[in-house]
């Protein structure tokens, strides 16, 4: 399974075209999630080369966890609970709201063991 990376700057974020962020899953496991926060940060301003990713999020505003299909392509991503099952720990952050819109049973054996969220 890949890692979860969270990069946050109170000021600015800068990288170079030779920077690499790699959260590829090992042994065929699901790849990781990268979140980058910072003033003016977006897909067009980050120069790093990314390995295989499950999701990359730039300054996500609102975030939803649901039973619906995952859509992590916007500033308001939705994560399907099933797509998060491979991770034993999750720490995701949003600038405004985080909504959990379905029952999430954390007592299932082999399920997520730690969940942390930060929002607005």
PDB file of N, CA and C in Angstrom:
ATOM      1  N   UNK A   1       0.835  -1.164   0.000  1.00  0.00           N
ATOM      2  CA  UNK A   1       0.000   0.000   0.000  1.00  0.00           C
ATOM      3  C   UNK A   1       0.886   1.235   0.000  1.00  0.00           C
ATOM      4  N   UNK A   2       0.450   2.274  -0.678  1.00  0.00           N
ATOM      5  CA  UNK A   2       1.170   3.539  -0.720  1.00  0.00           C
ATOM      6  C   UNK A   2       0.961   4.337   0.553  1.00  0.00           C
ATOM      7  N   UNK A   3       1.681   5.424   0.643  1.00  0.00           N
ATOM      8  CA  UNK A   3       1.634   6.282   1.818  1.00  0.00           C
ATOM      9  C   UNK A   3       0.653   7.422   1.631  1.00  0.00           C
ATOM     10  N   UNK A   4       0.414   8.135   2.729  1.00  0.00           N
ATOM     11  CA  UNK A   4      -0.354   9.371   2.727  1.00  0.00           C
ATOM     12  C   UNK A   4       0.599  10.496   3.082  1.00  0.00           C
ATOM     13  N   UNK A   5       0.693  11.500   2.236  1.00  0.00           N
ATOM     14  CA  UNK A   5       1.573  12.635   2.478  1.00  0.00           C
ATOM     15  C   UNK A   5       0.746  13.890   2.567  1.00  0.00           C
ATOM     16  N   UNK A   6       1.088  14.731   3.538  1.00  0.00           N
ATOM     17  CA  UNK A   6       0.406  15.998   3.756  1.00  0.00           C
ATOM     18  C   UNK A   6       1.477  17.075   3.825  1.00  0.00           C
ATOM     19  N   UNK A   7       1.453  18.028   2.898  1.00  0.00           N
ATOM     20  CA  UNK A   7       2.407  19.125   2.866  1.00  0.00           C
ATOM     21  C   UNK A   7       1.635  20.422   3.046  1.00  0.00           C
ATOM     22  N   UNK A   8       1.998  21.209   4.055  1.00  0.00           N
ATOM     23  CA  UNK A   8       1.273  22.450   4.330  1.00  0.00           C
ATOM     24  C   UNK A   8       2.268  23.552   4.641  1.00  0.00           C
ATOM     25  N   UNK A   9       2.013  24.712   4.046  1.00  0.00           N
ATOM     26  CA  UNK A   9       2.844  25.872   4.296  1.00  0.00           C
ATOM     27  C   UNK A   9       1.962  27.045   4.653  1.00  0.00           C
ATOM     28  N   UNK A  10       2.304  27.749   5.707  1.00  0.00           N
ATOM     29  CA  UNK A  10       1.581  28.967   6.060  1.00  0.00           C
ATOM     30  C   UNK A  10       1.915  30.099   5.111  1.00  0.00           C
ATOM     31  N   UNK A  11       3.024  29.969   4.414  1.00  0.00           N
ATOM     32  CA  UNK A  11       3.447  30.978   3.455  1.00  0.00           C
ATOM     33  C   UNK A  11       3.308  30.467   2.042  1.00  0.00           C
ATOM     34  N   UNK A  12       4.398  29.964   1.486  1.00  0.00           N
ATOM     35  CA  UNK A  12       4.361  29.485   0.111  1.00  0.00           C
ATOM     36  C   UNK A  12       4.989  28.097   0.030  1.00  0.00           C
ATOM     37  N   UNK A  13       4.725  27.431  -1.079  1.00  0.00           N
ATOM     38  CA  UNK A  13       5.285  26.107  -1.356  1.00  0.00           C
ATOM     39  C   UNK A  13       6.122  26.237  -2.613  1.00  0.00           C
ATOM     40  N   UNK A  14       7.337  25.714  -2.585  1.00  0.00           N
ATOM     41  CA  UNK A  14       8.194  25.767  -3.768  1.00  0.00           C
ATOM     42  C   UNK A  14       8.907  24.429  -3.926  1.00  0.00           C
ATOM     43  N   UNK A  15       9.046  23.997  -5.167  1.00  0.00           N
ATOM     44  CA  UNK A  15       9.792  22.786  -5.483  1.00  0.00           C
ATOM     45  C   UNK A  15      10.477  22.982  -6.820  1.00  0.00           C
ATOM     46  N   UNK A  16      11.213  21.992  -7.265  1.00  0.00           N
ATOM     47  CA  UNK A  16      11.907  22.087  -8.544  1.00  0.00           C
ATOM     48  C   UNK A  16      11.472  20.950  -9.460  1.00  0.00           C
ATOM     49  N   UNK A  17      11.832  21.064 -10.725  1.00  0.00           N
ATOM     50  CA  UNK A  17      11.439  20.030 -11.686  1.00  0.00           C
ATOM     51  C   UNK A  17      12.181  18.721 -11.452  1.00  0.00           C
ATOM     52  N   UNK A  18      13.191  18.731 -10.602  1.00  0.00           N
ATOM     53  CA  UNK A  18      13.902  17.489 -10.286  1.00  0.00           C
ATOM     54  C   UNK A  18      13.379  16.837  -9.003  1.00  0.00           C
ATOM     55  N   UNK A  19      12.411  17.472  -8.326  1.00  0.00           N
ATOM     56  CA  UNK A  19      11.816  16.898  -7.110  1.00  0.00           C
ATOM     57  C   UNK A  19      10.926  15.717  -7.483  1.00  0.00           C
ATOM     58  N   UNK A  20      10.922  14.698  -6.646  1.00  0.00           N
ATOM     59  CA  UNK A  20      10.071  13.535  -6.865  1.00  0.00           C
ATOM     60  C   UNK A  20       9.294  13.231  -5.594  1.00  0.00           C
ATOM     61  N   UNK A  21       7.997  13.022  -5.737  1.00  0.00           N
ATOM     62  CA  UNK A  21       7.153  12.559  -4.641  1.00  0.00           C
ATOM     63  C   UNK A  21       6.565  11.235  -5.117  1.00  0.00           C
ATOM     64  N   UNK A  22       6.940  10.154  -4.446  1.00  0.00           N
ATOM     65  CA  UNK A  22       6.526   8.831  -4.899  1.00  0.00           C
ATOM     66  C   UNK A  22       5.804   8.106  -3.768  1.00  0.00           C
ATOM     67  N   UNK A  23       4.531   7.831  -3.957  1.00  0.00           N
ATOM     68  CA  UNK A  23       3.729   7.102  -2.975  1.00  0.00           C
ATOM     69  C   UNK A  23       3.110   5.862  -3.625  1.00  0.00           C
ATOM     70  N   UNK A  24       3.847   5.298  -4.568  1.00  0.00           N
ATOM     71  CA  UNK A  24       3.366   4.115  -5.278  1.00  0.00           C
ATOM     72  C   UNK A  24       3.155   2.958  -4.322  1.00  0.00           C
ATOM     73  N   UNK A  25       2.104   2.188  -4.565  1.00  0.00           N
ATOM     74  CA  UNK A  25       1.836   1.011  -3.753  1.00  0.00           C
ATOM     75  C   UNK A  25       2.881  -0.058  -3.994  1.00  0.00           C
ATOM     76  N   UNK A  26       3.223  -0.772  -2.965  1.00  0.00           N
ATOM     77  CA  UNK A  26       4.215  -1.839  -3.060  1.00  0.00           C
ATOM     78  C   UNK A  26       3.533  -3.177  -3.328  1.00  0.00           C
ATOM     79  N   UNK A  27       4.174  -4.018  -4.089  1.00  0.00           N
ATOM     80  CA  UNK A  27       3.694  -5.370  -4.385  1.00  0.00           C
ATOM     81  C   UNK A  27       2.263  -5.378  -4.904  1.00  0.00           C
ATOM     82  N   UNK A  28       1.948  -4.427  -5.766  1.00  0.00           N
ATOM     83  CA  UNK A  28       0.618  -4.359  -6.370  1.00  0.00           C
ATOM     84  C   UNK A  28      -0.437  -3.705  -5.504  1.00  0.00           C
ATOM     85  N   UNK A  29      -0.041  -3.159  -4.363  1.00  0.00           N
ATOM     86  CA  UNK A  29      -0.996  -2.495  -3.474  1.00  0.00           C
ATOM     87  C   UNK A  29      -1.451  -1.146  -4.014  1.00  0.00           C
ATOM     88  N   UNK A  30      -2.496  -0.622  -3.426  1.00  0.00           N
ATOM     89  CA  UNK A  30      -3.035   0.663  -3.860  1.00  0.00           C
ATOM     90  C   UNK A  30      -2.021   1.766  -3.589  1.00  0.00           C
ATOM     91  N   UNK A  31      -1.889   2.683  -4.525  1.00  0.00           N
ATOM     92  CA  UNK A  31      -0.969   3.801  -4.373  1.00  0.00           C
ATOM     93  C   UNK A  31      -1.524   4.811  -3.380  1.00  0.00           C
ATOM     94  N   UNK A  32      -0.689   5.750  -3.000  1.00  0.00           N
ATOM     95  CA  UNK A  32      -1.014   6.676  -1.925  1.00  0.00           C
ATOM     96  C   UNK A  32      -1.714   7.954  -2.355  1.00  0.00           C
ATOM     97  N   UNK A  33      -1.919   8.803  -1.351  1.00  0.00           N
ATOM     98  CA  UNK A  33      -2.614  10.078  -1.496  1.00  0.00           C
ATOM     99  C   UNK A  33      -1.657  11.181  -1.059  1.00  0.00           C
ATOM    100  N   UNK A  34      -1.595  12.258  -1.834  1.00  0.00           N
ATOM    101  CA  UNK A  34      -0.783  13.426  -1.494  1.00  0.00           C
ATOM    102  C   UNK A  34      -1.712  14.631  -1.419  1.00  0.00           C
ATOM    103  N   UNK A  35      -1.591  15.406  -0.335  1.00  0.00           N
ATOM    104  CA  UNK A  35      -2.309  16.670  -0.192  1.00  0.00           C
ATOM    105  C   UNK A  35      -1.285  17.774  -0.063  1.00  0.00           C
ATOM    106  N   UNK A  36      -1.444  18.845  -0.843  1.00  0.00           N
ATOM    107  CA  UNK A  36      -0.539  19.989  -0.767  1.00  0.00           C
ATOM    108  C   UNK A  36      -1.376  21.242  -0.535  1.00  0.00           C
ATOM    109  N   UNK A  37      -1.050  21.963   0.536  1.00  0.00           N
ATOM    110  CA  UNK A  37      -1.703  23.228   0.864  1.00  0.00           C
ATOM    111  C   UNK A  37      -0.673  24.341   0.802  1.00  0.00           C
ATOM    112  N   UNK A  38      -1.072  25.495   0.323  1.00  0.00           N
ATOM    113  CA  UNK A  38      -0.205  26.666   0.314  1.00  0.00           C
ATOM    114  C   UNK A  38      -0.805  27.748  -0.547  1.00  0.00           C
ATOM    115  N   UNK A  39      -0.403  28.949  -0.311  1.00  0.00           N
ATOM    116  CA  UNK A  39      -0.900  30.086  -1.072  1.00  0.00           C
ATOM    117  C   UNK A  39      -0.503  29.946  -2.538  1.00  0.00           C
ATOM    118  N   UNK A  40      -1.478  29.950  -3.423  1.00  0.00           N
ATOM    119  CA  UNK A  40      -1.217  29.866  -4.855  1.00  0.00           C
ATOM    120  C   UNK A  40      -0.840  28.483  -5.365  1.00  0.00           C
ATOM    121  N   UNK A  41      -0.976  27.456  -4.543  1.00  0.00           N
ATOM    122  CA  UNK A  41      -0.600  26.097  -4.959  1.00  0.00           C
ATOM    123  C   UNK A  41      -1.708  25.495  -5.810  1.00  0.00           C
ATOM    124  N   UNK A  42      -1.327  24.875  -6.905  1.00  0.00           N
ATOM    125  CA  UNK A  42      -2.273  24.195  -7.782  1.00  0.00           C
ATOM    126  C   UNK A  42      -1.519  23.273  -8.723  1.00  0.00           C
ATOM    127  N   UNK A  43      -2.252  22.551  -9.528  1.00  0.00           N
ATOM    128  CA  UNK A  43      -1.634  21.595 -10.445  1.00  0.00           C
ATOM    129  C   UNK A  43      -0.620  22.270 -11.366  1.00  0.00           C
ATOM    130  N   UNK A  44      -0.874  23.500 -11.750  1.00  0.00           N
ATOM    131  CA  UNK A  44       0.025  24.202 -12.660  1.00  0.00           C
ATOM    132  C   UNK A  44       1.218  24.852 -11.991  1.00  0.00           C
ATOM    133  N   UNK A  45       1.256  24.873 -10.649  1.00  0.00           N
ATOM    134  CA  UNK A  45       2.362  25.538  -9.953  1.00  0.00           C
ATOM    135  C   UNK A  45       3.316  24.570  -9.264  1.00  0.00           C
ATOM    136  N   UNK A  46       2.971  23.299  -9.200  1.00  0.00           N
ATOM    137  CA  UNK A  46       3.832  22.299  -8.565  1.00  0.00           C
ATOM    138  C   UNK A  46       4.672  21.644  -9.652  1.00  0.00           C
ATOM    139  N   UNK A  47       5.982  21.646  -9.454  1.00  0.00           N
ATOM    140  CA  UNK A  47       6.911  21.134 -10.467  1.00  0.00           C
ATOM    141  C   UNK A  47       7.334  19.695 -10.248  1.00  0.00           C
ATOM    142  N   UNK A  48       7.066  19.137  -9.081  1.00  0.00           N
ATOM    143  CA  UNK A  48       7.536  17.795  -8.736  1.00  0.00           C
ATOM    144  C   UNK A  48       7.029  16.747  -9.722  1.00  0.00           C
ATOM    145  N   UNK A  49       7.807  15.701  -9.842  1.00  0.00           N
ATOM    146  CA  UNK A  49       7.394  14.513 -10.587  1.00  0.00           C
ATOM    147  C   UNK A  49       6.722  13.593  -9.589  1.00  0.00           C
ATOM    148  N   UNK A  50       5.529  13.121  -9.913  1.00  0.00           N
ATOM    149  CA  UNK A  50       4.791  12.258  -9.010  1.00  0.00           C
ATOM    150  C   UNK A  50       4.829  10.834  -9.536  1.00  0.00           C
ATOM    151  N   UNK A  51       5.074   9.893  -8.623  1.00  0.00           N
ATOM    152  CA  UNK A  51       4.969   8.477  -8.977  1.00  0.00           C
ATOM    153  C   UNK A  51       3.495   8.144  -9.137  1.00  0.00           C
ATOM    154  N   UNK A  52       3.188   6.897  -9.214  1.00  0.00           N
ATOM    155  CA  UNK A  52       1.804   6.450  -9.346  1.00  0.00           C
ATOM    156  C   UNK A  52       1.017   6.867  -8.102  1.00  0.00           C
ATOM    157  N   UNK A  53      -0.088   7.574  -8.285  1.00  0.00           N
ATOM    158  CA  UNK A  53      -0.896   8.096  -7.180  1.00  0.00           C
ATOM    159  C   UNK A  53      -2.309   7.557  -7.227  1.00  0.00           C
ATOM    160  N   UNK A  54      -2.923   7.391  -6.066  1.00  0.00           N
ATOM    161  CA  UNK A  54      -4.371   7.192  -6.022  1.00  0.00           C
ATOM    162  C   UNK A  54      -5.046   8.554  -6.142  1.00  0.00           C
ATOM    163  N   UNK A  55      -4.505   9.558  -5.441  1.00  0.00           N
ATOM    164  CA  UNK A  55      -5.074  10.902  -5.513  1.00  0.00           C
ATOM    165  C   UNK A  55      -4.014  11.934  -5.165  1.00  0.00           C
ATOM    166  N   UNK A  56      -4.098  13.092  -5.810  1.00  0.00           N
ATOM    167  CA  UNK A  56      -3.334  14.266  -5.401  1.00  0.00           C
ATOM    168  C   UNK A  56      -4.340  15.398  -5.243  1.00  0.00           C
ATOM    169  N   UNK A  57      -4.260  16.057  -4.111  1.00  0.00           N
ATOM    170  CA  UNK A  57      -5.207  17.119  -3.783  1.00  0.00           C
ATOM    171  C   UNK A  57      -4.447  18.415  -3.540  1.00  0.00           C
ATOM    172  N   UNK A  58      -4.890  19.501  -4.176  1.00  0.00           N
ATOM    173  CA  UNK A  58      -4.303  20.814  -3.978  1.00  0.00           C
ATOM    174  C   UNK A  58      -5.326  21.695  -3.275  1.00  0.00           C
ATOM    175  N   UNK A  59      -5.032  22.135  -2.063  1.00  0.00           N
ATOM    176  CA  UNK A  59      -5.913  23.007  -1.297  1.00  0.00           C
ATOM    177  C   UNK A  59      -7.372  22.560  -1.345  1.00  0.00           C
ATOM    178  N   UNK A  60      -7.678  21.304  -0.984  1.00  0.00           N
ATOM    179  CA  UNK A  60      -9.081  20.875  -1.048  1.00  0.00           C
ATOM    180  C   UNK A  60      -9.948  21.723  -0.117  1.00  0.00           C
ATOM    181  N   UNK A  61     -11.080  22.168  -0.641  1.00  0.00           N
ATOM    182  CA  UNK A  61     -11.950  23.068   0.121  1.00  0.00           C
ATOM    183  C   UNK A  61     -12.928  22.273   0.980  1.00  0.00           C
ATOM    184  N   UNK A  62     -13.830  21.558   0.353  1.00  0.00           N
ATOM    185  CA  UNK A  62     -14.753  20.665   1.049  1.00  0.00           C
ATOM    186  C   UNK A  62     -14.395  19.235   0.656  1.00  0.00           C
ATOM    187  N   UNK A  63     -14.617  18.286   1.564  1.00  0.00           N
ATOM    188  CA  UNK A  63     -14.295  16.895   1.290  1.00  0.00           C
ATOM    189  C   UNK A  63     -15.446  16.027   1.790  1.00  0.00           C
ATOM    190  N   UNK A  64     -15.793  14.998   1.016  1.00  0.00           N
ATOM    191  CA  UNK A  64     -16.877  14.099   1.385  1.00  0.00           C
ATOM    192  C   UNK A  64     -16.366  12.664   1.404  1.00  0.00           C
ATOM    193  N   UNK A  65     -16.845  11.894   2.376  1.00  0.00           N
ATOM    194  CA  UNK A  65     -16.612  10.456   2.461  1.00  0.00           C
ATOM    195  C   UNK A  65     -17.975   9.808   2.335  1.00  0.00           C
ATOM    196  N   UNK A  66     -18.151   8.940   1.338  1.00  0.00           N
ATOM    197  CA  UNK A  66     -19.481   8.390   1.075  1.00  0.00           C
ATOM    198  C   UNK A  66     -19.378   7.011   0.449  1.00  0.00           C
ATOM    199  N   UNK A  67     -20.536   6.476   0.083  1.00  0.00           N
ATOM    200  CA  UNK A  67     -20.605   5.220  -0.647  1.00  0.00           C
ATOM    201  C   UNK A  67     -20.613   5.442  -2.152  1.00  0.00           C
ATOM    202  N   UNK A  68     -20.597   6.703  -2.592  1.00  0.00           N
ATOM    203  CA  UNK A  68     -20.591   7.025  -4.020  1.00  0.00           C
ATOM    204  C   UNK A  68     -19.201   6.802  -4.616  1.00  0.00           C
ATOM    205  N   UNK A  69     -19.142   6.753  -5.930  1.00  0.00           N
ATOM    206  CA  UNK A  69     -17.864   6.572  -6.626  1.00  0.00           C
ATOM    207  C   UNK A  69     -16.890   7.682  -6.238  1.00  0.00           C
ATOM    208  N   UNK A  70     -15.622   7.328  -6.090  1.00  0.00           N
ATOM    209  CA  UNK A  70     -14.594   8.312  -5.755  1.00  0.00           C
ATOM    210  C   UNK A  70     -14.415   9.290  -6.902  1.00  0.00           C
ATOM    211  N   UNK A  71     -14.287  10.569  -6.566  1.00  0.00           N
ATOM    212  CA  UNK A  71     -13.969  11.619  -7.530  1.00  0.00           C
ATOM    213  C   UNK A  71     -13.014  12.568  -6.822  1.00  0.00           C
ATOM    214  N   UNK A  72     -11.744  12.445  -7.128  1.00  0.00           N
ATOM    215  CA  UNK A  72     -10.733  13.252  -6.458  1.00  0.00           C
ATOM    216  C   UNK A  72     -10.117  14.278  -7.405  1.00  0.00           C
ATOM    217  N   UNK A  73     -10.843  14.627  -8.471  1.00  0.00           N
ATOM    218  CA  UNK A  73     -10.307  15.509  -9.497  1.00  0.00           C
ATOM    219  C   UNK A  73     -10.627  16.982  -9.267  1.00  0.00           C
ATOM    220  N   UNK A  74     -11.393  17.321  -8.246  1.00  0.00           N
ATOM    221  CA  UNK A  74     -11.772  18.716  -8.037  1.00  0.00           C
ATOM    222  C   UNK A  74     -11.301  19.213  -6.683  1.00  0.00           C
ATOM    223  N   UNK A  75     -11.578  20.478  -6.389  1.00  0.00           N
ATOM    224  CA  UNK A  75     -11.224  21.041  -5.088  1.00  0.00           C
ATOM    225  C   UNK A  75     -12.203  20.603  -4.004  1.00  0.00           C
ATOM    226  N   UNK A  76     -13.253  19.856  -4.381  1.00  0.00           N
ATOM    227  CA  UNK A  76     -14.218  19.291  -3.440  1.00  0.00           C
ATOM    228  C   UNK A  76     -14.286  17.775  -3.662  1.00  0.00           C
ATOM    229  N   UNK A  77     -13.228  17.053  -3.292  1.00  0.00           N
ATOM    230  CA  UNK A  77     -13.159  15.621  -3.604  1.00  0.00           C
ATOM    231  C   UNK A  77     -14.143  14.776  -2.799  1.00  0.00           C
ATOM    232  N   UNK A  78     -14.522  13.645  -3.383  1.00  0.00           N
ATOM    233  CA  UNK A  78     -15.329  12.634  -2.703  1.00  0.00           C
ATOM    234  C   UNK A  78     -14.511  11.349  -2.666  1.00  0.00           C
ATOM    235  N   UNK A  79     -14.390  10.772  -1.483  1.00  0.00           N
ATOM    236  CA  UNK A  79     -13.719   9.483  -1.324  1.00  0.00           C
ATOM    237  C   UNK A  79     -14.760   8.429  -1.012  1.00  0.00           C
ATOM    238  N   UNK A  80     -14.733   7.347  -1.759  1.00  0.00           N
ATOM    239  CA  UNK A  80     -15.578   6.196  -1.473  1.00  0.00           C
ATOM    240  C   UNK A  80     -14.929   5.420  -0.340  1.00  0.00           C
ATOM    241  N   UNK A  81     -15.719   4.989   0.644  1.00  0.00           N
ATOM    242  CA  UNK A  81     -15.156   4.264   1.778  1.00  0.00           C
ATOM    243  C   UNK A  81     -14.387   3.028   1.337  1.00  0.00           C
ATOM    244  N   UNK A  82     -14.881   2.338   0.336  1.00  0.00           N
ATOM    245  CA  UNK A  82     -14.197   1.138  -0.149  1.00  0.00           C
ATOM    246  C   UNK A  82     -12.812   1.442  -0.690  1.00  0.00           C
ATOM    247  N   UNK A  83     -12.648   2.619  -1.321  1.00  0.00           N
ATOM    248  CA  UNK A  83     -11.342   2.973  -1.878  1.00  0.00           C
ATOM    249  C   UNK A  83     -10.333   3.307  -0.789  1.00  0.00           C
ATOM    250  N   UNK A  84     -10.806   3.558   0.430  1.00  0.00           N
ATOM    251  CA  UNK A  84      -9.904   3.864   1.546  1.00  0.00           C
ATOM    252  C   UNK A  84      -9.578   2.626   2.379  1.00  0.00           C
ATOM    253  N   UNK A  85     -10.246   1.510   2.089  1.00  0.00           N
ATOM    254  CA  UNK A  85     -10.074   0.286   2.878  1.00  0.00           C
ATOM    255  C   UNK A  85      -8.626  -0.203   2.958  1.00  0.00           C
ATOM    256  N   UNK A  86      -7.794  -0.055   1.920  1.00  0.00           N
ATOM    257  CA  UNK A  86      -6.425  -0.570   2.020  1.00  0.00           C
ATOM    258  C   UNK A  86      -5.544   0.169   3.034  1.00  0.00           C
ATOM    259  N   UNK A  87      -5.950   1.360   3.464  1.00  0.00           N
ATOM    260  CA  UNK A  87      -5.115   2.151   4.361  1.00  0.00           C
ATOM    261  C   UNK A  87      -5.421   1.833   5.823  1.00  0.00           C
ATOM    262  N   UNK A  88      -4.377   1.668   6.627  1.00  0.00           N
ATOM    263  CA  UNK A  88      -4.590   1.408   8.051  1.00  0.00           C
ATOM    264  C   UNK A  88      -4.716   2.711   8.833  1.00  0.00           C
ATOM    265  N   UNK A  89      -4.230   3.820   8.280  1.00  0.00           N
ATOM    266  CA  UNK A  89      -4.359   5.126   8.913  1.00  0.00           C
ATOM    267  C   UNK A  89      -4.638   6.162   7.836  1.00  0.00           C
ATOM    268  N   UNK A  90      -5.500   7.104   8.170  1.00  0.00           N
ATOM    269  CA  UNK A  90      -5.836   8.168   7.229  1.00  0.00           C
ATOM    270  C   UNK A  90      -5.821   9.490   7.979  1.00  0.00           C
ATOM    271  N   UNK A  91      -5.182  10.492   7.413  1.00  0.00           N
ATOM    272  CA  UNK A  91      -5.217  11.856   7.936  1.00  0.00           C
ATOM    273  C   UNK A  91      -5.444  12.768   6.738  1.00  0.00           C
ATOM    274  N   UNK A  92      -6.662  13.211   6.549  1.00  0.00           N
ATOM    275  CA  UNK A  92      -6.995  14.091   5.427  1.00  0.00           C
ATOM    276  C   UNK A  92      -7.498  15.423   5.964  1.00  0.00           C
ATOM    277  N   UNK A  93      -7.226  16.479   5.217  1.00  0.00           N
ATOM    278  CA  UNK A  93      -7.504  17.833   5.668  1.00  0.00           C
ATOM    279  C   UNK A  93      -8.265  18.583   4.583  1.00  0.00           C
ATOM    280  N   UNK A  94      -9.124  19.522   5.005  1.00  0.00           N
ATOM    281  CA  UNK A  94      -9.864  20.362   4.072  1.00  0.00           C
ATOM    282  C   UNK A  94      -9.896  21.782   4.623  1.00  0.00           C
ATOM    283  N   UNK A  95      -9.982  22.761   3.730  1.00  0.00           N
ATOM    284  CA  UNK A  95     -10.011  24.155   4.153  1.00  0.00           C
ATOM    285  C   UNK A  95     -11.341  24.541   4.791  1.00  0.00           C
ATOM    286  N   UNK A  96     -12.425  23.844   4.451  1.00  0.00           N
ATOM    287  CA  UNK A  96     -13.734  24.208   4.974  1.00  0.00           C
ATOM    288  C   UNK A  96     -14.392  23.022   5.673  1.00  0.00           C
ATOM    289  N   UNK A  97     -15.199  22.247   4.974  1.00  0.00           N
ATOM    290  CA  UNK A  97     -15.984  21.179   5.601  1.00  0.00           C
ATOM    291  C   UNK A  97     -15.542  19.791   5.182  1.00  0.00           C
ATOM    292  N   UNK A  98     -15.676  18.852   6.117  1.00  0.00           N
ATOM    293  CA  UNK A  98     -15.531  17.430   5.820  1.00  0.00           C
ATOM    294  C   UNK A  98     -16.847  16.781   6.202  1.00  0.00           C
ATOM    295  N   UNK A  99     -17.450  16.082   5.232  1.00  0.00           N
ATOM    296  CA  UNK A  99     -18.760  15.455   5.457  1.00  0.00           C
ATOM    297  C   UNK A  99     -18.634  13.939   5.324  1.00  0.00           C
ATOM    298  N   UNK A 100     -19.153  13.230   6.312  1.00  0.00           N
ATOM    299  CA  UNK A 100     -19.253  11.773   6.234  1.00  0.00           C
ATOM    300  C   UNK A 100     -20.720  11.465   6.011  1.00  0.00           C
ATOM    301  N   UNK A 101     -21.041  10.939   4.826  1.00  0.00           N
ATOM    302  CA  UNK A 101     -22.448  10.838   4.439  1.00  0.00           C
ATOM    303  C   UNK A 101     -22.968   9.404   4.374  1.00  0.00           C
ATOM    304  N   UNK A 102     -22.345   8.509   5.096  1.00  0.00           N
ATOM    305  CA  UNK A 102     -22.829   7.140   5.199  1.00  0.00           C
ATOM    306  C   UNK A 102     -22.258   6.531   6.462  1.00  0.00           C
ATOM    307  N   UNK A 103     -22.756   5.389   6.852  1.00  0.00           N
ATOM    308  CA  UNK A 103     -22.219   4.713   8.030  1.00  0.00           C
ATOM    309  C   UNK A 103     -20.840   4.174   7.699  1.00  0.00           C
ATOM    310  N   UNK A 104     -19.903   4.388   8.594  1.00  0.00           N
ATOM    311  CA  UNK A 104     -18.542   3.907   8.402  1.00  0.00           C
ATOM    312  C   UNK A 104     -18.189   3.080   9.623  1.00  0.00           C
ATOM    313  N   UNK A 105     -18.136   1.775   9.470  1.00  0.00           N
ATOM    314  CA  UNK A 105     -17.896   0.860  10.578  1.00  0.00           C
ATOM    315  C   UNK A 105     -16.400   0.614  10.713  1.00  0.00           C
ATOM    316  N   UNK A 106     -15.781   1.212  11.729  1.00  0.00           N
ATOM    317  CA  UNK A 106     -14.346   1.069  11.936  1.00  0.00           C
ATOM    318  C   UNK A 106     -13.989  -0.158  12.771  1.00  0.00           C
ATOM    319  N   UNK A 107     -15.000  -0.939  13.155  1.00  0.00           N
ATOM    320  CA  UNK A 107     -14.727  -2.111  13.994  1.00  0.00           C
ATOM    321  C   UNK A 107     -14.528  -3.391  13.185  1.00  0.00           C
ATOM    322  N   UNK A 108     -14.646  -3.298  11.873  1.00  0.00           N
ATOM    323  CA  UNK A 108     -14.480  -4.471  11.011  1.00  0.00           C
ATOM    324  C   UNK A 108     -13.015  -4.911  11.036  1.00  0.00           C
ATOM    325  N   UNK A 109     -12.724  -6.203  11.276  1.00  0.00           N
ATOM    326  CA  UNK A 109     -11.333  -6.672  11.290  1.00  0.00           C
ATOM    327  C   UNK A 109     -10.625  -6.330   9.979  1.00  0.00           C
ATOM    328  N   UNK A 110      -9.423  -5.806  10.108  1.00  0.00           N
ATOM    329  CA  UNK A 110      -8.634  -5.422   8.931  1.00  0.00           C
ATOM    330  C   UNK A 110      -8.992  -4.064   8.392  1.00  0.00           C
ATOM    331  N   UNK A 111      -9.974  -3.396   9.009  1.00  0.00           N
ATOM    332  CA  UNK A 111     -10.387  -2.078   8.539  1.00  0.00           C
ATOM    333  C   UNK A 111      -9.456  -1.012   9.120  1.00  0.00           C
ATOM    334  N   UNK A 112      -9.704   0.183   8.721  1.00  0.00           N
ATOM    335  CA  UNK A 112      -8.974   1.353   9.155  1.00  0.00           C
ATOM    336  C   UNK A 112      -8.808   1.360  10.678  1.00  0.00           C
ATOM    337  N   UNK A 113      -7.589   1.632  11.152  1.00  0.00           N
ATOM    338  CA  UNK A 113      -7.353   1.647  12.594  1.00  0.00           C
ATOM    339  C   UNK A 113      -7.205   3.041  13.162  1.00  0.00           C
ATOM    340  N   UNK A 114      -6.997   4.057  12.319  1.00  0.00           N
ATOM    341  CA  UNK A 114      -6.888   5.425  12.802  1.00  0.00           C
ATOM    342  C   UNK A 114      -7.396   6.379  11.729  1.00  0.00           C
ATOM    343  N   UNK A 115      -8.150   7.373  12.138  1.00  0.00           N
ATOM    344  CA  UNK A 115      -8.679   8.373  11.207  1.00  0.00           C
ATOM    345  C   UNK A 115      -8.562   9.735  11.863  1.00  0.00           C
ATOM    346  N   UNK A 116      -7.968  10.682  11.182  1.00  0.00           N
ATOM    347  CA  UNK A 116      -7.841  12.043  11.685  1.00  0.00           C
ATOM    348  C   UNK A 116      -8.298  12.976  10.588  1.00  0.00           C
ATOM    349  N   UNK A 117      -9.073  13.984  10.947  1.00  0.00           N
ATOM    350  CA  UNK A 117      -9.488  14.967   9.948  1.00  0.00           C
ATOM    351  C   UNK A 117      -9.291  16.361  10.514  1.00  0.00           C
ATOM    352  N   UNK A 118      -9.006  17.272   9.641  1.00  0.00           N
ATOM    353  CA  UNK A 118      -8.865  18.693   9.962  1.00  0.00           C
ATOM    354  C   UNK A 118      -9.702  19.448   8.955  1.00  0.00           C
ATOM    355  N   UNK A 119     -10.439  20.418   9.426  1.00  0.00           N
ATOM    356  CA  UNK A 119     -11.242  21.212   8.511  1.00  0.00           C
ATOM    357  C   UNK A 119     -11.414  22.601   9.057  1.00  0.00           C
ATOM    358  N   UNK A 120     -11.772  23.522   8.131  1.00  0.00           N
ATOM    359  CA  UNK A 120     -12.044  24.929   8.383  1.00  0.00           C
ATOM    360  C   UNK A 120     -11.892  25.284   9.775  1.00  0.00           C
TER     361      UNK A 120
END
